[in-house]
């Protein structure tokens, strides 16, 4: 999946946050309990939506379904400062917020950065669920397993190649030898 720099960075951080929530210090499964704690602490976490959104997005873990995966994928390629980044009012037509998350949505949208955060949260959840080229998905509960992007008809080879080329170009810019033959 192609991602803007903004979402590539945040997706990696979000994945690390979810991985951290998976188990307790003794290695026991703890995701459900830790998500519950995050949701209960939302009011205290709200100031972080502008500077550390990946720490707050777990409140919405499995809180979205995507009615237009292509539109969400297009948003994933946007930067917040580029003028193409959708507002929540426009973007919310492409996602459905689960009923259990409605009160969290209301609390977030009351914040000045709430609309941008909600687009970011939905996009990060979309990436977590559907980006097969990214980091390994977190171990999920049984109700999350088996979800698949029905609009994803190709096998991702072109996207993987584009990502590999971009990575190779970046390494070259950093002074490393190209891995191309």
Protein backbone atom coordinates (compact mmCIF):
# COMPACT_ATOMS: atom_id res chain seq x y z
CA UNK A 1 0.00 0.00 0.00
CA UNK A 2 1.35 3.39 -0.92
CA UNK A 3 1.49 5.83 1.98
CA UNK A 4 2.50 9.44 2.43
CA UNK A 5 5.54 10.10 4.59
CA UNK A 6 3.14 11.14 7.39
CA UNK A 7 1.29 7.83 7.36
CA UNK A 8 4.40 5.71 6.79
CA UNK A 9 5.95 7.16 9.94
CA UNK A 10 2.78 6.99 12.00
CA UNK A 11 1.91 3.46 10.86
CA UNK A 12 5.25 2.23 12.13
CA UNK A 13 4.77 4.00 15.46
CA UNK A 14 1.18 2.78 15.74
CA UNK A 15 2.25 -0.79 15.08
CA UNK A 16 4.86 -0.48 17.84
CA UNK A 17 2.21 0.88 20.21
CA UNK A 18 -0.14 -2.03 19.46
CA UNK A 19 2.70 -4.53 19.85
CA UNK A 20 3.41 -2.98 23.26
CA UNK A 21 -0.23 -3.37 24.28
CA UNK A 22 -0.42 -7.04 23.29
CA UNK A 23 1.17 -8.53 26.39
CA UNK A 24 1.87 -7.61 29.98
CA UNK A 25 5.30 -7.63 31.61
CA UNK A 26 5.02 -11.40 32.16
CA UNK A 27 4.19 -12.11 28.52
CA UNK A 28 0.51 -12.83 29.12
CA UNK A 29 -2.06 -11.60 26.58
CA UNK A 30 -3.27 -8.17 27.64
CA UNK A 31 -4.62 -6.40 24.55
CA UNK A 32 -8.29 -6.27 25.56
CA UNK A 33 -7.50 -5.04 29.08
CA UNK A 34 -5.04 -2.44 27.85
CA UNK A 35 -7.44 -1.17 25.18
CA UNK A 36 -10.10 -0.83 27.88
CA UNK A 37 -7.65 1.20 29.99
CA UNK A 38 -6.83 3.46 27.02
CA UNK A 39 -10.52 4.04 26.38
CA UNK A 40 -11.14 4.90 30.03
CA UNK A 41 -8.21 7.35 29.95
CA UNK A 42 -9.29 9.13 26.75
CA UNK A 43 -9.93 12.46 28.47
CA UNK A 44 -6.35 12.49 29.80
CA UNK A 45 -4.97 11.38 26.41
CA UNK A 46 -6.77 14.01 24.31
CA UNK A 47 -3.94 16.60 24.51
CA UNK A 48 -1.72 14.06 22.71
CA UNK A 49 -3.82 13.93 19.52
CA UNK A 50 -1.76 16.69 17.91
CA UNK A 51 1.79 15.65 18.78
CA UNK A 52 1.57 11.91 19.42
CA UNK A 53 -1.59 10.57 17.75
CA UNK A 54 -0.36 6.96 17.62
CA UNK A 55 -0.66 6.86 21.41
CA UNK A 56 -4.35 7.79 21.26
CA UNK A 57 -5.47 5.86 18.15
CA UNK A 58 -5.69 2.54 20.09
CA UNK A 59 -8.88 3.96 21.63
CA UNK A 60 -10.39 3.31 18.18
CA UNK A 61 -8.79 -0.13 17.66
CA UNK A 62 -11.27 -2.11 15.52
CA UNK A 63 -13.62 0.87 15.73
CA UNK A 64 -14.02 1.44 11.99
CA UNK A 65 -15.39 -0.36 8.99
CA UNK A 66 -14.56 0.98 5.56
CA UNK A 67 -17.35 1.59 3.07
CA UNK A 68 -14.98 2.91 0.38
CA UNK A 69 -11.53 1.33 0.70
CA UNK A 70 -10.32 3.15 -2.43
CA UNK A 71 -11.19 6.54 -0.94
CA UNK A 72 -9.46 5.65 2.32
CA UNK A 73 -6.40 4.40 0.41
CA UNK A 74 -6.31 7.75 -1.41
CA UNK A 75 -6.39 9.59 1.94
CA UNK A 76 -3.48 7.45 3.17
CA UNK A 77 -1.36 9.04 0.43
CA UNK A 78 -2.07 12.59 1.70
CA UNK A 79 -0.08 14.80 4.04
CA UNK A 80 -1.98 16.91 6.60
CA UNK A 81 -0.37 20.12 5.34
CA UNK A 82 -0.83 19.53 1.61
CA UNK A 83 -4.36 20.86 1.14
CA UNK A 84 -5.58 17.47 -0.15
CA UNK A 85 -5.95 16.00 3.33
CA UNK A 86 -9.67 15.35 3.79
CA UNK A 87 -11.69 16.87 6.60
CA UNK A 88 -13.66 14.53 8.84
CA UNK A 89 -17.02 15.71 7.48
CA UNK A 90 -15.99 14.65 3.96
CA UNK A 91 -14.02 11.58 5.04
CA UNK A 92 -16.67 10.15 7.37
CA UNK A 93 -18.73 9.20 4.30
CA UNK A 94 -16.11 6.51 3.57
CA UNK A 95 -16.01 4.92 7.03
CA UNK A 96 -18.45 3.70 9.63
CA UNK A 97 -17.60 4.23 13.28
CA UNK A 98 -18.70 1.30 15.41
CA UNK A 99 -21.53 2.17 17.84
CA UNK A 100 -19.37 1.43 20.89
CA UNK A 101 -16.92 4.16 19.74
CA UNK A 102 -19.52 6.93 19.28
CA UNK A 103 -18.85 8.59 22.65
CA UNK A 104 -15.09 8.58 21.96
CA UNK A 105 -15.73 10.15 18.56
CA UNK A 106 -17.79 12.91 20.17
CA UNK A 107 -15.06 13.62 22.73
CA UNK A 108 -12.34 13.80 20.06
CA UNK A 109 -14.35 15.99 17.69
CA UNK A 110 -14.83 18.51 20.50
CA UNK A 111 -11.06 19.18 20.33
CA UNK A 112 -9.60 21.74 17.89
CA UNK A 113 -7.47 19.05 16.18
CA UNK A 114 -10.21 16.43 16.47
CA UNK A 115 -11.23 16.26 12.81
CA UNK A 116 -7.66 15.74 11.56
CA UNK A 117 -7.07 13.18 14.30
CA UNK A 118 -10.17 11.18 13.35
CA UNK A 119 -9.04 11.00 9.71
CA UNK A 120 -5.60 9.95 10.93
CA UNK A 121 -7.07 7.33 13.29
CA UNK A 122 -9.26 5.81 10.59
CA UNK A 123 -6.38 5.74 8.12
CA UNK A 124 -4.04 4.09 10.64
CA UNK A 125 -6.64 1.45 11.38
CA UNK A 126 -7.09 0.92 7.64
CA UNK A 127 -3.34 0.46 7.26
CA UNK A 128 -3.23 -1.91 10.24
CA UNK A 129 -5.98 -4.06 8.78
CA UNK A 130 -5.12 -4.04 5.09
CA UNK A 131 -1.44 -3.22 4.50
CA UNK A 132 0.11 -6.59 3.71
CA UNK A 133 3.41 -4.96 2.67
CA UNK A 134 3.83 -3.25 6.03
CA UNK A 135 4.79 -4.56 9.40
CA UNK A 136 3.31 -7.78 10.70
CA UNK A 137 -0.21 -7.31 12.02
CA UNK A 138 -0.81 -7.52 15.73
CA UNK A 139 -2.33 -10.69 17.09
CA UNK A 140 -6.00 -9.91 17.06
CA UNK A 141 -9.02 -11.35 18.75
CA UNK A 142 -11.21 -13.79 16.86
CA UNK A 143 -13.76 -11.19 15.75
CA UNK A 144 -11.06 -9.26 13.88
CA UNK A 145 -9.47 -12.23 12.13
CA UNK A 146 -10.35 -13.01 8.57
CA UNK A 147 -11.30 -9.48 7.52
CA UNK A 148 -10.10 -8.79 4.03
CA UNK A 149 -10.21 -5.83 1.71
CA UNK A 150 -12.63 -6.94 -0.98
CA UNK A 151 -11.52 -4.18 -3.37
CA UNK A 152 -7.92 -5.43 -3.35
CA UNK A 153 -7.89 -7.38 -6.60
CA UNK A 154 -4.15 -7.28 -7.29
CA UNK A 155 -1.48 -9.10 -5.38
CA UNK A 156 0.44 -5.95 -4.44
CA UNK A 157 3.48 -6.71 -6.58
CA UNK A 158 3.48 -3.25 -8.20
CA UNK A 159 3.17 -1.55 -4.84
CA UNK A 160 5.92 -3.72 -3.36
CA UNK A 161 8.18 -2.87 -6.30
CA UNK A 162 7.43 0.87 -5.92
CA UNK A 163 8.23 0.67 -2.22
CA UNK A 164 11.45 -1.26 -2.90
CA UNK A 165 12.52 1.30 -5.49
CA UNK A 166 11.76 4.18 -3.15
CA UNK A 167 13.73 2.47 -0.39
CA UNK A 168 16.65 1.86 -2.71
CA UNK A 169 16.59 5.49 -3.85
CA UNK A 170 16.55 6.69 -0.25
CA UNK A 171 19.48 4.45 0.67
CA UNK A 172 21.39 5.81 -2.32
CA UNK A 173 20.73 9.37 -1.14
CA UNK A 174 22.17 8.39 2.25
CA UNK A 175 25.38 7.23 0.61
CA UNK A 176 24.76 3.49 0.58
CA UNK A 177 25.34 1.31 -2.48
CA UNK A 178 22.34 0.44 -4.57
CA UNK A 179 20.96 -3.08 -4.15
CA UNK A 180 19.81 -3.08 -7.78
CA UNK A 181 21.66 -5.49 -10.06
